[in-house]
């Protein structure tokens, strides 16, 4: 599903990742951990094609990202569900319209299961609200629902529980675990120990980003 081969990248003369090699299998669940600024978000950006390595290679769905033309990026990203820290909801659309957006972009008619998904993340009574009317936690949950609405092959989340309470975080983590059980590959960047503890008993593993390197935990959580 994802392969880094001696991949390196830096910003403003500073090396962020150096000579990283790893393979993430299809159907796996990984947490990407590390201190602030260590490069967790950089790892994710390399995977969803927002960034190319300066040297080495990153392969996603079997394709070297350096060789993917810009016109084909959107098609690759449609196989991904991406939840970013800033949520990136469309302000002129309601919660329901935001959640339905991946279906409409793909030319599919949204079904009733999307309302069930919205209810599951705790937004069943906020379907007509606009993003500006939501709390930070509600926006995060709406972004998560939108990301998984089209049942993507790969789900990428950057600090998905940073603005939600413990109960909502546990609900969100259980959704990630259930999606993983259905065969989805899930990658979550977080420093939230409670979120990782909520995955105990699953097949989740940990990738630690430190000193420009990425190391894999040897045992499941």
N, C-alpha and C. Protein backbone atom coordinates (compact mmCIF):
# COMPACT_ATOMS: atom_id res chain seq x y z
N UNK A 1 0.84 -1.21 0.00
CA UNK A 1 0.00 0.00 0.00
C UNK A 1 0.87 1.26 0.00
N UNK A 2 1.86 1.32 0.91
CA UNK A 2 2.73 2.50 1.05
C UNK A 2 4.17 2.02 1.24
N UNK A 3 5.10 2.60 0.50
CA UNK A 3 6.50 2.23 0.65
C UNK A 3 7.40 3.47 0.56
N UNK A 4 8.24 3.63 1.55
CA UNK A 4 9.29 4.65 1.52
C UNK A 4 10.61 3.93 1.24
N UNK A 5 11.37 4.44 0.28
CA UNK A 5 12.66 3.86 -0.05
C UNK A 5 13.73 4.94 0.01
N UNK A 6 14.49 4.96 1.11
CA UNK A 6 15.56 5.95 1.32
C UNK A 6 15.06 7.36 1.04
N UNK A 7 13.86 7.68 1.51
CA UNK A 7 13.24 8.97 1.24
C UNK A 7 13.75 10.04 2.21
N UNK A 8 14.09 11.19 1.65
CA UNK A 8 14.54 12.33 2.45
C UNK A 8 13.82 13.59 1.98
N UNK A 9 13.57 14.50 2.92
CA UNK A 9 12.93 15.76 2.58
C UNK A 9 13.30 16.79 3.63
N UNK A 10 13.40 18.06 3.20
CA UNK A 10 13.74 19.12 4.15
C UNK A 10 13.05 20.42 3.78
N UNK A 11 13.03 21.35 4.75
CA UNK A 11 12.45 22.68 4.54
C UNK A 11 13.47 23.72 4.98
N UNK A 12 13.60 24.79 4.20
CA UNK A 12 14.43 25.93 4.60
C UNK A 12 15.81 25.51 5.10
N UNK A 13 16.40 24.56 4.40
CA UNK A 13 17.74 24.12 4.77
C UNK A 13 17.81 23.16 5.92
N UNK A 14 16.67 22.77 6.49
CA UNK A 14 16.64 21.83 7.62
C UNK A 14 16.11 20.49 7.16
N UNK A 15 16.85 19.44 7.45
CA UNK A 15 16.41 18.09 7.09
C UNK A 15 15.33 17.65 8.07
N UNK A 16 14.17 17.29 7.53
CA UNK A 16 13.05 16.84 8.37
C UNK A 16 13.02 15.31 8.44
N UNK A 17 13.14 14.66 7.29
CA UNK A 17 13.23 13.20 7.24
C UNK A 17 14.47 12.84 6.43
N UNK A 18 15.23 11.85 6.93
CA UNK A 18 16.48 11.49 6.28
C UNK A 18 16.56 9.99 6.05
N UNK A 19 16.64 9.60 4.79
CA UNK A 19 16.89 8.21 4.42
C UNK A 19 15.90 7.24 5.07
N UNK A 20 14.61 7.57 4.96
CA UNK A 20 13.56 6.76 5.59
C UNK A 20 13.15 5.63 4.66
N UNK A 21 13.19 4.40 5.17
CA UNK A 21 12.72 3.24 4.42
C UNK A 21 11.74 2.46 5.30
N UNK A 22 10.55 2.23 4.79
CA UNK A 22 9.56 1.44 5.52
C UNK A 22 8.46 1.02 4.56
N UNK A 23 7.74 -0.02 4.95
CA UNK A 23 6.61 -0.51 4.17
C UNK A 23 5.40 -0.64 5.08
N UNK A 24 4.27 -0.09 4.65
CA UNK A 24 3.01 -0.21 5.39
C UNK A 24 2.08 -1.08 4.55
N UNK A 25 1.71 -2.21 5.12
CA UNK A 25 0.95 -3.20 4.38
C UNK A 25 -0.51 -2.76 4.22
N UNK A 26 -1.14 -3.24 3.18
CA UNK A 26 -2.57 -3.02 2.98
C UNK A 26 -3.34 -3.63 4.13
N UNK A 27 -4.32 -2.88 4.66
CA UNK A 27 -5.12 -3.37 5.77
C UNK A 27 -4.51 -3.15 7.13
N UNK A 28 -3.41 -2.42 7.21
CA UNK A 28 -2.75 -2.17 8.50
C UNK A 28 -3.31 -0.92 9.17
N UNK A 29 -3.04 -0.79 10.47
CA UNK A 29 -3.43 0.38 11.25
C UNK A 29 -2.19 0.86 11.99
N UNK A 30 -1.76 2.08 11.69
CA UNK A 30 -0.54 2.63 12.30
C UNK A 30 -0.80 4.00 12.91
N UNK A 31 -0.18 4.23 14.06
CA UNK A 31 -0.10 5.57 14.64
C UNK A 31 1.29 6.13 14.33
N UNK A 32 1.34 7.40 13.92
CA UNK A 32 2.60 8.09 13.70
C UNK A 32 2.78 9.05 14.89
N UNK A 33 3.79 8.83 15.69
CA UNK A 33 3.99 9.62 16.90
C UNK A 33 5.31 10.37 16.85
N UNK A 34 5.48 11.29 17.76
CA UNK A 34 6.70 12.09 17.84
C UNK A 34 6.38 13.46 18.38
N UNK A 35 7.40 14.15 18.84
CA UNK A 35 7.20 15.49 19.39
C UNK A 35 6.74 16.45 18.30
N UNK A 36 6.24 17.60 18.73
CA UNK A 36 5.82 18.62 17.77
C UNK A 36 7.00 19.05 16.91
N UNK A 37 6.81 19.08 15.61
CA UNK A 37 7.88 19.48 14.70
C UNK A 37 8.80 18.36 14.28
N UNK A 38 8.54 17.14 14.76
CA UNK A 38 9.44 16.03 14.43
C UNK A 38 9.30 15.57 12.99
N UNK A 39 8.12 15.80 12.39
CA UNK A 39 7.93 15.40 11.00
C UNK A 39 6.75 14.48 10.77
N UNK A 40 5.85 14.38 11.77
CA UNK A 40 4.67 13.50 11.60
C UNK A 40 3.83 13.94 10.40
N UNK A 41 3.52 15.24 10.34
CA UNK A 41 2.69 15.74 9.24
C UNK A 41 3.41 15.59 7.91
N UNK A 42 4.73 15.73 7.92
CA UNK A 42 5.50 15.56 6.69
C UNK A 42 5.35 14.15 6.15
N UNK A 43 5.37 13.16 7.03
CA UNK A 43 5.17 11.77 6.61
C UNK A 43 3.82 11.64 5.89
N UNK A 44 2.79 12.22 6.48
CA UNK A 44 1.46 12.13 5.87
C UNK A 44 1.41 12.87 4.53
N UNK A 45 2.00 14.06 4.47
CA UNK A 45 1.95 14.85 3.24
C UNK A 45 2.66 14.14 2.09
N UNK A 46 3.72 13.41 2.40
CA UNK A 46 4.40 12.63 1.36
C UNK A 46 3.48 11.53 0.82
N UNK A 47 2.61 11.00 1.68
CA UNK A 47 1.74 9.91 1.27
C UNK A 47 0.56 10.41 0.45
N UNK A 48 -0.03 11.56 0.84
CA UNK A 48 -1.19 12.02 0.05
C UNK A 48 -0.81 13.03 -1.03
N UNK A 49 0.46 12.99 -1.45
CA UNK A 49 0.96 13.70 -2.63
C UNK A 49 0.95 15.22 -2.50
N UNK A 50 0.91 15.73 -1.28
CA UNK A 50 1.06 17.17 -1.10
C UNK A 50 2.53 17.57 -1.12
N UNK A 51 3.40 16.58 -1.07
CA UNK A 51 4.84 16.81 -1.00
C UNK A 51 5.53 15.65 -1.70
N UNK A 52 6.63 15.95 -2.41
CA UNK A 52 7.47 14.91 -3.01
C UNK A 52 8.79 14.85 -2.26
N UNK A 53 9.40 13.67 -2.17
CA UNK A 53 10.71 13.59 -1.50
C UNK A 53 11.78 14.31 -2.31
N UNK A 54 12.77 14.86 -1.59
CA UNK A 54 13.90 15.49 -2.27
C UNK A 54 14.81 14.43 -2.88
N UNK A 55 14.88 13.29 -2.24
CA UNK A 55 15.64 12.16 -2.77
C UNK A 55 14.97 10.87 -2.29
N UNK A 56 15.34 9.76 -2.92
CA UNK A 56 14.66 8.51 -2.60
C UNK A 56 13.28 8.48 -3.24
N UNK A 57 12.45 7.57 -2.77
CA UNK A 57 11.14 7.39 -3.39
C UNK A 57 10.06 7.11 -2.35
N UNK A 58 8.84 7.55 -2.65
CA UNK A 58 7.65 7.19 -1.89
C UNK A 58 6.66 6.60 -2.89
N UNK A 59 6.20 5.39 -2.61
CA UNK A 59 5.24 4.73 -3.50
C UNK A 59 3.92 4.54 -2.77
N UNK A 60 2.85 4.92 -3.42
CA UNK A 60 1.50 4.78 -2.87
C UNK A 60 0.65 4.08 -3.91
N UNK A 61 -0.06 3.04 -3.52
CA UNK A 61 -0.84 2.22 -4.45
C UNK A 61 0.05 1.71 -5.58
N UNK A 62 1.32 1.46 -5.27
CA UNK A 62 2.24 0.92 -6.25
C UNK A 62 2.84 1.93 -7.21
N UNK A 63 2.55 3.22 -7.02
CA UNK A 63 3.06 4.24 -7.94
C UNK A 63 4.05 5.16 -7.23
N UNK A 64 5.15 5.44 -7.89
CA UNK A 64 6.13 6.39 -7.39
C UNK A 64 5.52 7.79 -7.47
N UNK A 65 5.38 8.47 -6.34
CA UNK A 65 4.68 9.76 -6.33
C UNK A 65 5.39 10.81 -7.18
N UNK A 66 6.70 10.67 -7.37
CA UNK A 66 7.42 11.65 -8.20
C UNK A 66 7.02 11.55 -9.66
N UNK A 67 6.45 10.42 -10.04
CA UNK A 67 6.10 10.20 -11.45
C UNK A 67 4.61 10.37 -11.72
N UNK A 68 3.84 10.77 -10.70
CA UNK A 68 2.40 10.97 -10.89
C UNK A 68 2.17 12.38 -11.42
N UNK A 69 1.63 12.54 -12.63
CA UNK A 69 1.36 13.88 -13.16
C UNK A 69 0.34 14.61 -12.29
N UNK A 70 0.43 15.92 -12.26
CA UNK A 70 -0.49 16.72 -11.45
C UNK A 70 -1.94 16.42 -11.80
N UNK A 71 -2.21 16.17 -13.07
CA UNK A 71 -3.60 15.94 -13.49
C UNK A 71 -4.17 14.64 -12.95
N UNK A 72 -3.29 13.74 -12.47
CA UNK A 72 -3.75 12.45 -11.95
C UNK A 72 -3.80 12.41 -10.43
N UNK A 73 -3.34 13.47 -9.77
CA UNK A 73 -3.32 13.49 -8.31
C UNK A 73 -4.71 13.34 -7.71
N UNK A 74 -5.69 14.06 -8.28
CA UNK A 74 -7.04 14.03 -7.72
C UNK A 74 -7.62 12.63 -7.75
N UNK A 75 -7.36 11.90 -8.84
CA UNK A 75 -7.87 10.53 -8.95
C UNK A 75 -7.26 9.64 -7.88
N UNK A 76 -5.98 9.82 -7.59
CA UNK A 76 -5.35 9.03 -6.54
C UNK A 76 -5.90 9.39 -5.17
N UNK A 77 -6.13 10.69 -4.96
CA UNK A 77 -6.63 11.12 -3.64
C UNK A 77 -8.06 10.65 -3.40
N UNK A 78 -8.81 10.37 -4.48
CA UNK A 78 -10.17 9.86 -4.29
C UNK A 78 -10.16 8.47 -3.67
N UNK A 79 -9.02 7.81 -3.71
CA UNK A 79 -8.90 6.52 -3.04
C UNK A 79 -8.49 6.69 -1.57
N UNK A 80 -8.35 7.95 -1.15
CA UNK A 80 -7.94 8.25 0.22
C UNK A 80 -9.01 9.06 0.93
N UNK A 81 -9.13 8.85 2.22
CA UNK A 81 -9.93 9.73 3.07
C UNK A 81 -8.97 10.50 3.95
N UNK A 82 -8.95 11.81 3.83
CA UNK A 82 -7.93 12.62 4.50
C UNK A 82 -8.59 13.57 5.49
N UNK A 83 -8.15 13.51 6.74
CA UNK A 83 -8.65 14.40 7.79
C UNK A 83 -7.47 15.24 8.28
N UNK A 84 -7.49 16.53 7.97
CA UNK A 84 -6.41 17.42 8.35
C UNK A 84 -6.76 18.21 9.60
N UNK A 85 -5.74 18.82 10.21
CA UNK A 85 -5.96 19.54 11.46
C UNK A 85 -6.91 20.73 11.29
N UNK A 86 -6.89 21.35 10.10
CA UNK A 86 -7.75 22.53 9.90
C UNK A 86 -9.14 22.17 9.36
N UNK A 87 -9.43 20.86 9.28
CA UNK A 87 -10.74 20.32 8.86
C UNK A 87 -11.05 20.57 7.38
N UNK A 88 -10.81 21.80 6.87
CA UNK A 88 -10.97 22.08 5.45
C UNK A 88 -12.39 21.83 4.95
N UNK A 89 -13.38 22.16 5.77
CA UNK A 89 -14.78 22.06 5.32
C UNK A 89 -15.12 23.25 4.43
N UNK A 90 -16.10 23.07 3.56
CA UNK A 90 -16.54 24.16 2.69
C UNK A 90 -17.59 24.98 3.41
N UNK A 91 -17.29 26.25 3.65
CA UNK A 91 -18.14 27.09 4.50
C UNK A 91 -19.53 27.32 3.95
N UNK A 92 -19.69 27.30 2.62
CA UNK A 92 -21.00 27.60 2.03
C UNK A 92 -21.91 26.37 1.99
N UNK A 93 -21.42 25.24 2.45
CA UNK A 93 -22.21 24.01 2.46
C UNK A 93 -22.60 23.62 3.87
N UNK A 94 -23.72 22.94 4.01
CA UNK A 94 -24.15 22.42 5.30
C UNK A 94 -23.29 21.21 5.69
N UNK A 95 -23.44 20.76 6.91
CA UNK A 95 -22.74 19.55 7.36
C UNK A 95 -23.06 18.39 6.43
N UNK A 96 -24.32 18.19 6.12
CA UNK A 96 -24.72 17.07 5.28
C UNK A 96 -24.14 17.21 3.89
N UNK A 97 -24.15 18.40 3.33
CA UNK A 97 -23.60 18.61 2.00
C UNK A 97 -22.09 18.36 1.98
N UNK A 98 -21.40 18.74 3.04
CA UNK A 98 -19.97 18.46 3.12
C UNK A 98 -19.70 16.96 3.16
N UNK A 99 -20.50 16.23 3.93
CA UNK A 99 -20.31 14.78 4.04
C UNK A 99 -20.62 14.09 2.72
N UNK A 100 -21.61 14.61 1.99
CA UNK A 100 -22.00 14.01 0.71
C UNK A 100 -21.02 14.33 -0.42
N UNK A 101 -20.15 15.31 -0.22
CA UNK A 101 -19.32 15.82 -1.31
C UNK A 101 -18.50 14.74 -2.03
N UNK A 102 -17.83 13.81 -1.33
CA UNK A 102 -17.05 12.79 -2.06
C UNK A 102 -17.91 11.96 -3.01
N UNK A 103 -19.16 11.66 -2.61
CA UNK A 103 -20.05 10.91 -3.50
C UNK A 103 -20.38 11.73 -4.74
N UNK A 104 -20.69 12.99 -4.54
CA UNK A 104 -21.10 13.83 -5.68
C UNK A 104 -19.93 14.07 -6.63
N UNK A 105 -18.72 14.24 -6.09
CA UNK A 105 -17.54 14.43 -6.94
C UNK A 105 -17.31 13.18 -7.80
N UNK A 106 -17.58 12.01 -7.21
CA UNK A 106 -17.39 10.75 -7.93
C UNK A 106 -18.57 10.41 -8.83
N UNK A 107 -19.61 11.28 -8.83
CA UNK A 107 -20.76 11.04 -9.69
C UNK A 107 -21.73 10.01 -9.15
N UNK A 108 -21.69 9.78 -7.81
CA UNK A 108 -22.60 8.81 -7.20
C UNK A 108 -23.68 9.53 -6.40
N UNK A 109 -24.85 8.92 -6.32
CA UNK A 109 -25.94 9.48 -5.55
C UNK A 109 -25.76 9.13 -4.07
N UNK A 110 -25.71 10.12 -3.18
CA UNK A 110 -25.57 9.82 -1.76
C UNK A 110 -26.75 9.01 -1.25
N UNK A 111 -26.47 8.03 -0.39
CA UNK A 111 -27.52 7.18 0.15
C UNK A 111 -27.82 7.50 1.61
N UNK A 112 -28.82 6.86 2.19
CA UNK A 112 -29.22 7.12 3.58
C UNK A 112 -28.16 6.75 4.59
N UNK A 113 -27.20 5.92 4.19
CA UNK A 113 -26.15 5.52 5.13
C UNK A 113 -25.30 6.71 5.57
N UNK A 114 -25.29 7.78 4.78
CA UNK A 114 -24.49 8.95 5.16
C UNK A 114 -25.12 9.67 6.35
N UNK A 115 -26.44 9.68 6.43
CA UNK A 115 -27.09 10.25 7.61
C UNK A 115 -26.79 9.40 8.84
N UNK A 116 -26.73 8.09 8.65
CA UNK A 116 -26.38 7.21 9.75
C UNK A 116 -24.95 7.47 10.21
N UNK A 117 -24.06 7.71 9.26
CA UNK A 117 -22.68 8.03 9.59
C UNK A 117 -22.59 9.34 10.38
N UNK A 118 -23.33 10.35 9.92
CA UNK A 118 -23.35 11.64 10.62
C UNK A 118 -23.86 11.48 12.05
N UNK A 119 -24.89 10.66 12.21
CA UNK A 119 -25.42 10.42 13.55
C UNK A 119 -24.41 9.69 14.41
N UNK A 120 -23.68 8.76 13.80
CA UNK A 120 -22.71 7.96 14.56
C UNK A 120 -21.59 8.82 15.13
N UNK A 121 -21.18 9.86 14.38
CA UNK A 121 -20.13 10.75 14.90
C UNK A 121 -20.72 11.89 15.74
N UNK A 122 -22.02 11.81 16.02
CA UNK A 122 -22.64 12.77 16.93
C UNK A 122 -23.15 14.03 16.29
N UNK A 123 -23.41 14.00 14.99
CA UNK A 123 -23.86 15.21 14.28
C UNK A 123 -25.25 15.03 13.68
N UNK A 124 -26.00 14.06 14.17
CA UNK A 124 -27.32 13.78 13.61
C UNK A 124 -28.29 14.94 13.69
N UNK A 125 -28.09 15.81 14.68
CA UNK A 125 -28.98 16.96 14.85
C UNK A 125 -28.38 18.25 14.28
N UNK A 126 -27.26 18.14 13.61
CA UNK A 126 -26.58 19.33 13.09
C UNK A 126 -26.41 19.27 11.58
N UNK A 127 -27.21 18.48 10.91
CA UNK A 127 -27.03 18.24 9.48
C UNK A 127 -27.19 19.50 8.64
N UNK A 128 -28.04 20.44 9.08
CA UNK A 128 -28.29 21.65 8.30
C UNK A 128 -27.39 22.81 8.69
N UNK A 129 -26.57 22.61 9.72
CA UNK A 129 -25.69 23.70 10.18
C UNK A 129 -24.55 23.92 9.20
N UNK A 130 -24.05 25.15 9.15
CA UNK A 130 -22.87 25.48 8.36
C UNK A 130 -21.63 25.36 9.25
N UNK A 131 -20.45 25.15 8.68
CA UNK A 131 -19.24 25.00 9.49
C UNK A 131 -19.02 26.13 10.49
N UNK A 132 -19.37 27.36 10.13
CA UNK A 132 -19.15 28.49 11.04
C UNK A 132 -20.02 28.38 12.29
N UNK A 133 -21.08 27.59 12.23
CA UNK A 133 -21.98 27.42 13.37
C UNK A 133 -21.58 26.26 14.26
N UNK A 134 -20.55 25.54 13.89
CA UNK A 134 -20.12 24.37 14.64
C UNK A 134 -18.99 24.70 15.60
N UNK A 135 -18.88 23.93 16.65
CA UNK A 135 -17.72 24.02 17.53
C UNK A 135 -16.52 23.40 16.82
N UNK A 136 -15.33 23.60 17.37
CA UNK A 136 -14.14 23.01 16.76
C UNK A 136 -14.24 21.49 16.72
N UNK A 137 -14.75 20.91 17.80
CA UNK A 137 -14.90 19.47 17.83
C UNK A 137 -15.91 18.96 16.83
N UNK A 138 -17.01 19.69 16.65
CA UNK A 138 -18.01 19.29 15.67
C UNK A 138 -17.45 19.37 14.25
N UNK A 139 -16.67 20.39 13.98
CA UNK A 139 -16.05 20.50 12.65
C UNK A 139 -15.12 19.32 12.39
N UNK A 140 -14.37 18.92 13.43
CA UNK A 140 -13.45 17.80 13.27
C UNK A 140 -14.21 16.51 12.97
N UNK A 141 -15.34 16.31 13.66
CA UNK A 141 -16.13 15.10 13.44
C UNK A 141 -16.78 15.12 12.05
N UNK A 142 -17.20 16.30 11.61
CA UNK A 142 -17.77 16.41 10.25
C UNK A 142 -16.71 16.09 9.20
N UNK A 143 -15.48 16.56 9.42
CA UNK A 143 -14.39 16.28 8.48
C UNK A 143 -14.09 14.79 8.44
N UNK A 144 -14.15 14.14 9.59
CA UNK A 144 -13.92 12.70 9.63
C UNK A 144 -15.01 11.95 8.87
N UNK A 145 -16.27 12.33 9.10
CA UNK A 145 -17.38 11.68 8.39
C UNK A 145 -17.23 11.86 6.88
N UNK A 146 -16.87 13.06 6.45
CA UNK A 146 -16.68 13.29 5.01
C UNK A 146 -15.56 12.42 4.46
N UNK A 147 -14.47 12.28 5.24
CA UNK A 147 -13.31 11.53 4.77
C UNK A 147 -13.62 10.06 4.55
N UNK A 148 -14.49 9.49 5.38
CA UNK A 148 -14.75 8.05 5.27
C UNK A 148 -16.04 7.75 4.52
N UNK A 149 -16.78 8.79 4.10
CA UNK A 149 -18.09 8.60 3.49
C UNK A 149 -18.04 7.73 2.25
N UNK A 150 -17.00 7.87 1.45
CA UNK A 150 -16.92 7.13 0.18
C UNK A 150 -16.16 5.82 0.31
N UNK A 151 -15.94 5.36 1.56
CA UNK A 151 -15.26 4.09 1.83
C UNK A 151 -13.92 4.00 1.09
N UNK A 152 -12.99 4.92 1.38
CA UNK A 152 -11.71 4.92 0.68
C UNK A 152 -10.84 3.73 1.09
N UNK A 153 -9.85 3.42 0.25
CA UNK A 153 -8.92 2.33 0.55
C UNK A 153 -7.96 2.71 1.67
N UNK A 154 -7.59 3.98 1.72
CA UNK A 154 -6.59 4.47 2.66
C UNK A 154 -7.16 5.66 3.41
N UNK A 155 -7.08 5.63 4.73
CA UNK A 155 -7.57 6.72 5.57
C UNK A 155 -6.39 7.34 6.30
N UNK A 156 -6.21 8.65 6.12
CA UNK A 156 -5.09 9.38 6.72
C UNK A 156 -5.66 10.47 7.62
N UNK A 157 -5.24 10.50 8.88
CA UNK A 157 -5.77 11.48 9.83
C UNK A 157 -4.61 12.15 10.56
N UNK A 158 -4.63 13.48 10.60
CA UNK A 158 -3.59 14.26 11.27
C UNK A 158 -4.19 14.87 12.54
N UNK A 159 -3.84 14.32 13.69
CA UNK A 159 -4.38 14.76 14.99
C UNK A 159 -5.91 14.84 14.96
N UNK A 160 -6.59 13.74 14.67
CA UNK A 160 -8.04 13.79 14.48
C UNK A 160 -8.85 14.05 15.74
N UNK A 161 -8.23 13.92 16.92
CA UNK A 161 -8.98 14.14 18.17
C UNK A 161 -8.46 15.34 18.94
N UNK A 162 -7.73 16.22 18.24
CA UNK A 162 -7.13 17.35 18.93
C UNK A 162 -8.12 18.33 19.53
N UNK A 163 -9.36 18.39 18.99
CA UNK A 163 -10.33 19.38 19.47
C UNK A 163 -11.61 18.75 20.00
N UNK A 164 -11.55 17.47 20.39
CA UNK A 164 -12.75 16.81 20.87
C UNK A 164 -12.53 16.28 22.28
N UNK A 165 -13.64 16.06 22.99
CA UNK A 165 -13.53 15.55 24.36
C UNK A 165 -13.24 14.05 24.34
N UNK A 166 -13.02 13.48 25.54
CA UNK A 166 -12.60 12.08 25.64
C UNK A 166 -13.64 11.13 25.07
N UNK A 167 -14.92 11.43 25.30
CA UNK A 167 -15.97 10.55 24.80
C UNK A 167 -16.00 10.55 23.27
N UNK A 168 -15.92 11.73 22.68
CA UNK A 168 -15.92 11.82 21.21
C UNK A 168 -14.66 11.18 20.63
N UNK A 169 -13.53 11.36 21.31
CA UNK A 169 -12.27 10.76 20.84
C UNK A 169 -12.37 9.24 20.81
N UNK A 170 -12.98 8.66 21.86
CA UNK A 170 -13.15 7.21 21.91
C UNK A 170 -14.06 6.73 20.79
N UNK A 171 -15.10 7.50 20.49
CA UNK A 171 -16.03 7.15 19.41
C UNK A 171 -15.31 7.20 18.06
N UNK A 172 -14.51 8.24 17.87
CA UNK A 172 -13.77 8.37 16.63
C UNK A 172 -12.78 7.23 16.46
N UNK A 173 -12.08 6.88 17.56
CA UNK A 173 -11.10 5.79 17.48
C UNK A 173 -11.78 4.47 17.17
N UNK A 174 -12.96 4.25 17.75
CA UNK A 174 -13.66 2.99 17.47
C UNK A 174 -14.07 2.91 16.00
N UNK A 175 -14.38 4.07 15.39
CA UNK A 175 -14.69 4.09 13.96
C UNK A 175 -13.46 3.71 13.15
N UNK A 176 -12.29 4.26 13.50
CA UNK A 176 -11.06 3.89 12.80
C UNK A 176 -10.81 2.39 12.91
N UNK A 177 -10.99 1.83 14.10
CA UNK A 177 -10.75 0.40 14.32
C UNK A 177 -11.72 -0.43 13.48
N UNK A 178 -12.99 -0.04 13.45
CA UNK A 178 -13.98 -0.78 12.67
C UNK A 178 -13.66 -0.72 11.18
N UNK A 179 -13.25 0.46 10.70
CA UNK A 179 -12.87 0.59 9.30
C UNK A 179 -11.67 -0.29 8.98
N UNK A 180 -10.73 -0.35 9.92
CA UNK A 180 -9.56 -1.21 9.72
C UNK A 180 -9.97 -2.68 9.67
N UNK A 181 -10.93 -3.07 10.50
CA UNK A 181 -11.41 -4.46 10.48
C UNK A 181 -12.06 -4.80 9.15
N UNK A 182 -12.60 -3.78 8.47
CA UNK A 182 -13.21 -3.98 7.16
C UNK A 182 -12.17 -4.03 6.04
N UNK A 183 -10.88 -3.91 6.41
CA UNK A 183 -9.81 -4.02 5.44
C UNK A 183 -9.20 -2.71 5.00
N UNK A 184 -9.66 -1.60 5.59
CA UNK A 184 -9.10 -0.30 5.21
C UNK A 184 -7.74 -0.09 5.88
N UNK A 185 -6.83 0.52 5.16
CA UNK A 185 -5.55 0.90 5.71
C UNK A 185 -5.71 2.25 6.40
N UNK A 186 -5.29 2.34 7.67
CA UNK A 186 -5.51 3.55 8.47
C UNK A 186 -4.17 4.04 9.01
N UNK A 187 -3.92 5.34 8.85
CA UNK A 187 -2.68 5.96 9.32
C UNK A 187 -3.06 7.23 10.08
N UNK A 188 -2.69 7.29 11.37
CA UNK A 188 -3.11 8.39 12.23
C UNK A 188 -1.89 9.03 12.88
N UNK A 189 -1.67 10.31 12.63
CA UNK A 189 -0.62 11.05 13.32
C UNK A 189 -1.21 11.63 14.60
N UNK A 190 -0.58 11.35 15.72
CA UNK A 190 -1.13 11.81 17.01
C UNK A 190 -0.07 11.77 18.10
N UNK A 191 -0.27 12.59 19.11
CA UNK A 191 0.51 12.48 20.34
C UNK A 191 -0.40 12.13 21.51
N UNK A 192 -1.66 11.78 21.20
CA UNK A 192 -2.68 11.50 22.20
C UNK A 192 -2.55 10.05 22.68
N UNK A 193 -1.98 9.85 23.87
CA UNK A 193 -1.78 8.51 24.40
C UNK A 193 -3.12 7.80 24.64
N UNK A 194 -4.14 8.58 25.04
CA UNK A 194 -5.45 7.97 25.27
C UNK A 194 -6.03 7.40 23.99
N UNK A 195 -5.79 8.10 22.87
CA UNK A 195 -6.27 7.60 21.58
C UNK A 195 -5.60 6.27 21.26
N UNK A 196 -4.31 6.18 21.51
CA UNK A 196 -3.60 4.93 21.22
C UNK A 196 -4.04 3.82 22.17
N UNK A 197 -4.28 4.19 23.42
CA UNK A 197 -4.75 3.16 24.38
C UNK A 197 -6.11 2.62 23.96
N UNK A 198 -6.94 3.49 23.35
CA UNK A 198 -8.27 3.05 22.91
C UNK A 198 -8.18 2.01 21.81
N UNK A 199 -7.03 1.90 21.16
CA UNK A 199 -6.84 0.93 20.09
C UNK A 199 -6.23 -0.37 20.60
N UNK A 200 -5.99 -0.48 21.88
CA UNK A 200 -5.41 -1.70 22.42
C UNK A 200 -6.31 -2.89 22.12
N UNK A 201 -5.68 -3.98 21.73
CA UNK A 201 -6.43 -5.16 21.35
C UNK A 201 -6.66 -5.24 19.85
N UNK A 202 -6.42 -4.12 19.15
CA UNK A 202 -6.50 -4.13 17.69
C UNK A 202 -5.13 -4.51 17.13
N UNK A 203 -5.00 -4.41 15.81
CA UNK A 203 -3.72 -4.72 15.18
C UNK A 203 -2.84 -3.49 15.03
N UNK A 204 -3.17 -2.42 15.75
CA UNK A 204 -2.45 -1.16 15.59
C UNK A 204 -0.98 -1.28 15.99
N UNK A 205 -0.14 -0.59 15.23
CA UNK A 205 1.28 -0.49 15.54
C UNK A 205 1.68 0.99 15.53
N UNK A 206 2.88 1.25 16.01
CA UNK A 206 3.34 2.63 16.18
C UNK A 206 4.57 2.88 15.32
N UNK A 207 4.55 4.03 14.63
CA UNK A 207 5.73 4.54 13.93
C UNK A 207 6.19 5.79 14.66
N UNK A 208 7.41 5.80 15.16
CA UNK A 208 7.93 6.95 15.90
C UNK A 208 8.85 7.77 15.02
N UNK A 209 8.55 9.07 14.90
CA UNK A 209 9.37 9.99 14.12
C UNK A 209 10.27 10.76 15.08
N UNK A 210 11.58 10.62 14.90
CA UNK A 210 12.52 11.27 15.82
C UNK A 210 13.87 11.43 15.13
N UNK A 211 14.41 12.64 15.20
CA UNK A 211 15.72 12.89 14.63
C UNK A 211 15.81 12.63 13.15
N UNK A 212 14.70 12.85 12.43
CA UNK A 212 14.70 12.64 10.99
C UNK A 212 14.49 11.20 10.56
N UNK A 213 14.36 10.30 11.54
CA UNK A 213 14.17 8.88 11.25
C UNK A 213 12.76 8.44 11.64
N UNK A 214 12.33 7.33 11.05
CA UNK A 214 11.04 6.74 11.41
C UNK A 214 11.31 5.31 11.82
N UNK A 215 10.97 4.95 13.06
CA UNK A 215 11.18 3.59 13.55
C UNK A 215 9.83 2.96 13.86
N UNK A 216 9.72 1.67 13.65
CA UNK A 216 8.48 0.93 13.84
C UNK A 216 8.51 0.18 15.16
N UNK A 217 7.42 0.28 15.93
CA UNK A 217 7.28 -0.50 17.15
C UNK A 217 7.19 -1.97 16.78
N UNK A 218 7.83 -2.82 17.56
CA UNK A 218 7.88 -4.23 17.21
C UNK A 218 6.65 -5.02 17.58
N UNK A 219 5.81 -4.49 18.45
CA UNK A 219 4.67 -5.27 18.90
C UNK A 219 3.38 -4.47 18.74
N UNK A 220 2.24 -5.14 18.52
CA UNK A 220 0.97 -4.44 18.43
C UNK A 220 0.62 -3.79 19.77
N UNK A 221 -0.26 -2.80 19.74
CA UNK A 221 -0.71 -2.16 20.97
C UNK A 221 -1.56 -3.13 21.78
